[in-house]
Amino acid sequence: MNELKKKTTRMKELMNLVEQCIKNLTTENFSNNFRLSLDNMAEIQGIKKDLAKKYGIINIAKYDPEMLIKGKLIEESYDNIIEKFRRELKKTENQLFNINKQKKITNYIR
């Protein structure tokens, strides 16, 4: 049981780190923060698989239901970040399209 406590504590620490990486994610630090969050998520998955093998997922969920909630919140945060970057990309595409359109009009007028 001591191992379960240590590993769930480690998972919570990693989840908090992932949450911070997601909150602080910008276009400037995307590579570093996203890589760090993926590495932490991989470690979380490893711990989760190990605990699931030893104790079963249902017992882990009963032991600490807060982790499941936090996991869902992190998943939603990832989805929100992806959507945010998708909107920014679309905005940039539209700006480039308008610039090219203006360039063609300017060339046509000459």
C-alpha atoms as a PDB file:
ATOM      1  CA  MET A   1       0.000   0.000   0.000  1.00  0.00           C
ATOM      2  CA  ASN A   2       2.952   2.307   0.614  1.00  0.00           C
ATOM      3  CA  GLU A   3       3.981   1.867  -3.033  1.00  0.00           C
ATOM      4  CA  LEU A   4       0.479   2.840  -4.160  1.00  0.00           C
ATOM      5  CA  LYS A   5       0.641   6.018  -2.101  1.00  0.00           C
ATOM      6  CA  LYS A   6       4.107   6.959  -3.415  1.00  0.00           C
ATOM      7  CA  LYS A   7       3.178   6.317  -7.025  1.00  0.00           C
ATOM      8  CA  THR A   8      -0.141   8.149  -6.864  1.00  0.00           C
ATOM      9  CA  THR A   9       1.641  11.093  -5.243  1.00  0.00           C
ATOM     10  CA  ARG A  10       4.185  11.063  -8.077  1.00  0.00           C
ATOM     11  CA  MET A  11       1.374  10.933 -10.637  1.00  0.00           C
ATOM     12  CA  LYS A  12      -0.281  13.969  -9.027  1.00  0.00           C
ATOM     13  CA  GLU A  13       3.011  15.884  -9.093  1.00  0.00           C
ATOM     14  CA  LEU A  14       3.458  15.057 -12.775  1.00  0.00           C
ATOM     15  CA  MET A  15      -0.138  16.017 -13.520  1.00  0.00           C
ATOM     16  CA  ASN A  16       0.436  19.377 -11.857  1.00  0.00           C
ATOM     17  CA  LEU A  17       3.547  19.882 -14.007  1.00  0.00           C
ATOM     18  CA  VAL A  18       1.606  18.998 -17.150  1.00  0.00           C
ATOM     19  CA  GLU A  19      -1.154  21.382 -16.137  1.00  0.00           C
ATOM     20  CA  GLN A  20       1.380  24.204 -15.673  1.00  0.00           C
ATOM     21  CA  CYS A  21       3.017  23.452 -19.024  1.00  0.00           C
ATOM     22  CA  ILE A  22      -0.352  23.644 -20.745  1.00  0.00           C
ATOM     23  CA  LYS A  23      -1.321  26.885 -19.009  1.00  0.00           C
ATOM     24  CA  ASN A  24       2.003  28.520 -19.927  1.00  0.00           C
ATOM     25  CA  LEU A  25       2.013  27.275 -23.522  1.00  0.00           C
ATOM     26  CA  THR A  26       2.649  29.995 -26.114  1.00  0.00           C
ATOM     27  CA  THR A  27       3.910  30.006 -29.673  1.00  0.00           C
ATOM     28  CA  GLU A  28       7.345  31.062 -28.425  1.00  0.00           C
ATOM     29  CA  ASN A  29       7.787  28.213 -25.932  1.00  0.00           C
ATOM     30  CA  PHE A  30       5.610  25.624 -27.669  1.00  0.00           C
ATOM     31  CA  SER A  31       8.443  23.215 -28.526  1.00  0.00           C
ATOM     32  CA  ASN A  32       9.894  23.088 -25.032  1.00  0.00           C
ATOM     33  CA  ASN A  33       6.666  23.098 -23.011  1.00  0.00           C
ATOM     34  CA  PHE A  34       4.852  20.666 -25.264  1.00  0.00           C
ATOM     35  CA  ARG A  35       7.816  18.255 -25.255  1.00  0.00           C
ATOM     36  CA  LEU A  36       8.044  18.509 -21.455  1.00  0.00           C
ATOM     37  CA  SER A  37       4.331  17.844 -21.038  1.00  0.00           C
ATOM     38  CA  LEU A  38       4.508  14.845 -23.386  1.00  0.00           C
ATOM     39  CA  ASP A  39       7.455  13.415 -21.442  1.00  0.00           C
ATOM     40  CA  ASN A  40       5.572  13.845 -18.172  1.00  0.00           C
ATOM     41  CA  MET A  41       2.460  12.256 -19.659  1.00  0.00           C
ATOM     42  CA  ALA A  42       4.537   9.276 -20.805  1.00  0.00           C
ATOM     43  CA  GLU A  43       5.840   8.840 -17.254  1.00  0.00           C
ATOM     44  CA  ILE A  44       2.296   9.101 -15.896  1.00  0.00           C
ATOM     45  CA  GLN A  45       1.152   6.416 -18.343  1.00  0.00           C
ATOM     46  CA  GLY A  46       3.987   4.134 -17.236  1.00  0.00           C
ATOM     47  CA  ILE A  47       3.093   4.538 -13.574  1.00  0.00           C
ATOM     48  CA  LYS A  48      -0.594   4.045 -14.361  1.00  0.00           C
ATOM     49  CA  LYS A  49       0.064   0.810 -16.265  1.00  0.00           C
ATOM     50  CA  ASP A  50       2.244  -0.498 -13.439  1.00  0.00           C
ATOM     51  CA  LEU A  51      -0.382   0.314 -10.814  1.00  0.00           C
ATOM     52  CA  ALA A  52      -3.187  -1.077 -12.956  1.00  0.00           C
ATOM     53  CA  LYS A  53      -1.291  -4.333 -13.312  1.00  0.00           C
ATOM     54  CA  LYS A  54      -0.702  -4.618  -9.553  1.00  0.00           C
ATOM     55  CA  TYR A  55      -3.926  -3.203  -8.101  1.00  0.00           C
ATOM     56  CA  GLY A  56      -6.428  -2.890 -10.935  1.00  0.00           C
ATOM     57  CA  ILE A  57      -7.806   0.325 -12.383  1.00  0.00           C
ATOM     58  CA  ILE A  58     -11.012   0.152 -10.341  1.00  0.00           C
ATOM     59  CA  ASN A  59      -9.091  -0.031  -7.066  1.00  0.00           C
ATOM     60  CA  ILE A  60      -6.887   2.896  -8.086  1.00  0.00           C
ATOM     61  CA  ALA A  61      -9.968   4.937  -8.971  1.00  0.00           C
ATOM     62  CA  LYS A  62     -11.493   4.127  -5.586  1.00  0.00           C
ATOM     63  CA  TYR A  63      -8.242   4.944  -3.807  1.00  0.00           C
ATOM     64  CA  ASP A  64      -7.891   8.391  -5.376  1.00  0.00           C
ATOM     65  CA  PRO A  65     -10.829   9.552  -7.543  1.00  0.00           C
ATOM     66  CA  GLU A  66      -9.298  13.055  -7.730  1.00  0.00           C
ATOM     67  CA  MET A  67      -6.685  11.741 -10.170  1.00  0.00           C
ATOM     68  CA  LEU A  68      -9.349  10.722 -12.663  1.00  0.00           C
ATOM     69  CA  ILE A  69     -10.937  14.152 -12.493  1.00  0.00           C
ATOM     70  CA  LYS A  70      -7.570  15.855 -12.909  1.00  0.00           C
ATOM     71  CA  GLY A  71      -6.806  13.595 -15.880  1.00  0.00           C
ATOM     72  CA  LYS A  72     -10.047  14.635 -17.569  1.00  0.00           C
ATOM     73  CA  LEU A  73      -9.304  18.310 -16.908  1.00  0.00           C
ATOM     74  CA  ILE A  74      -5.854  17.934 -18.464  1.00  0.00           C
ATOM     75  CA  GLU A  75      -7.412  16.243 -21.487  1.00  0.00           C
ATOM     76  CA  GLU A  76      -9.844  19.150 -21.867  1.00  0.00           C
ATOM     77  CA  SER A  77      -6.971  21.620 -21.514  1.00  0.00           C
ATOM     78  CA  TYR A  78      -5.103  19.868 -24.335  1.00  0.00           C
ATOM     79  CA  ASP A  79      -8.215  20.066 -26.495  1.00  0.00           C
ATOM     80  CA  ASN A  80      -8.602  23.777 -25.718  1.00  0.00           C
ATOM     81  CA  ILE A  81      -4.961  24.487 -26.572  1.00  0.00           C
ATOM     82  CA  ILE A  82      -5.253  22.617 -29.862  1.00  0.00           C
ATOM     83  CA  GLU A  83      -8.369  24.584 -30.710  1.00  0.00           C
ATOM     84  CA  LYS A  84      -6.663  27.861 -29.760  1.00  0.00           C
ATOM     85  CA  PHE A  85      -3.675  27.160 -32.014  1.00  0.00           C
ATOM     86  CA  ARG A  86      -6.019  26.021 -34.795  1.00  0.00           C
ATOM     87  CA  ARG A  87      -7.870  29.369 -34.607  1.00  0.00           C
ATOM     88  CA  GLU A  88      -4.577  31.288 -34.658  1.00  0.00           C
ATOM     89  CA  LEU A  89      -3.422  29.288 -37.682  1.00  0.00           C
ATOM     90  CA  LYS A  90      -6.685  29.995 -39.504  1.00  0.00           C
ATOM     91  CA  LYS A  91      -6.362  33.694 -38.693  1.00  0.00           C
ATOM     92  CA  THR A  92      -2.813  33.747 -40.081  1.00  0.00           C
ATOM     93  CA  GLU A  93      -3.934  31.893 -43.215  1.00  0.00           C
ATOM     94  CA  ASN A  94      -6.658  34.476 -43.776  1.00  0.00           C
ATOM     95  CA  GLN A  95      -4.180  37.322 -43.344  1.00  0.00           C
ATOM     96  CA  LEU A  96      -1.804  35.753 -45.875  1.00  0.00           C
ATOM     97  CA  PHE A  97      -4.668  35.231 -48.292  1.00  0.00           C
ATOM     98  CA  ASN A  98      -5.675  38.894 -47.991  1.00  0.00           C
ATOM     99  CA  ILE A  99      -2.082  40.071 -48.463  1.00  0.00           C
ATOM    100  CA  ASN A 100      -1.747  37.962 -51.614  1.00  0.00           C
ATOM    101  CA  LYS A 101      -5.061  39.297 -52.866  1.00  0.00           C
ATOM    102  CA  GLN A 102      -3.936  42.898 -52.296  1.00  0.00           C
ATOM    103  CA  LYS A 103      -0.631  42.157 -54.031  1.00  0.00           C
ATOM    104  CA  LYS A 104      -2.463  40.832 -57.104  1.00  0.00           C
ATOM    105  CA  ILE A 105      -4.698  43.912 -57.177  1.00  0.00           C
ATOM    106  CA  THR A 106      -1.675  46.193 -56.904  1.00  0.00           C
ATOM    107  CA  ASN A 107       0.084  44.341 -59.736  1.00  0.00           C
ATOM    108  CA  TYR A 108      -3.037  44.511 -61.859  1.00  0.00           C
ATOM    109  CA  ILE A 109      -3.387  48.286 -61.333  1.00  0.00           C
ATOM    110  CA  ARG A 110       0.206  48.920 -62.498  1.00  0.00           C
END
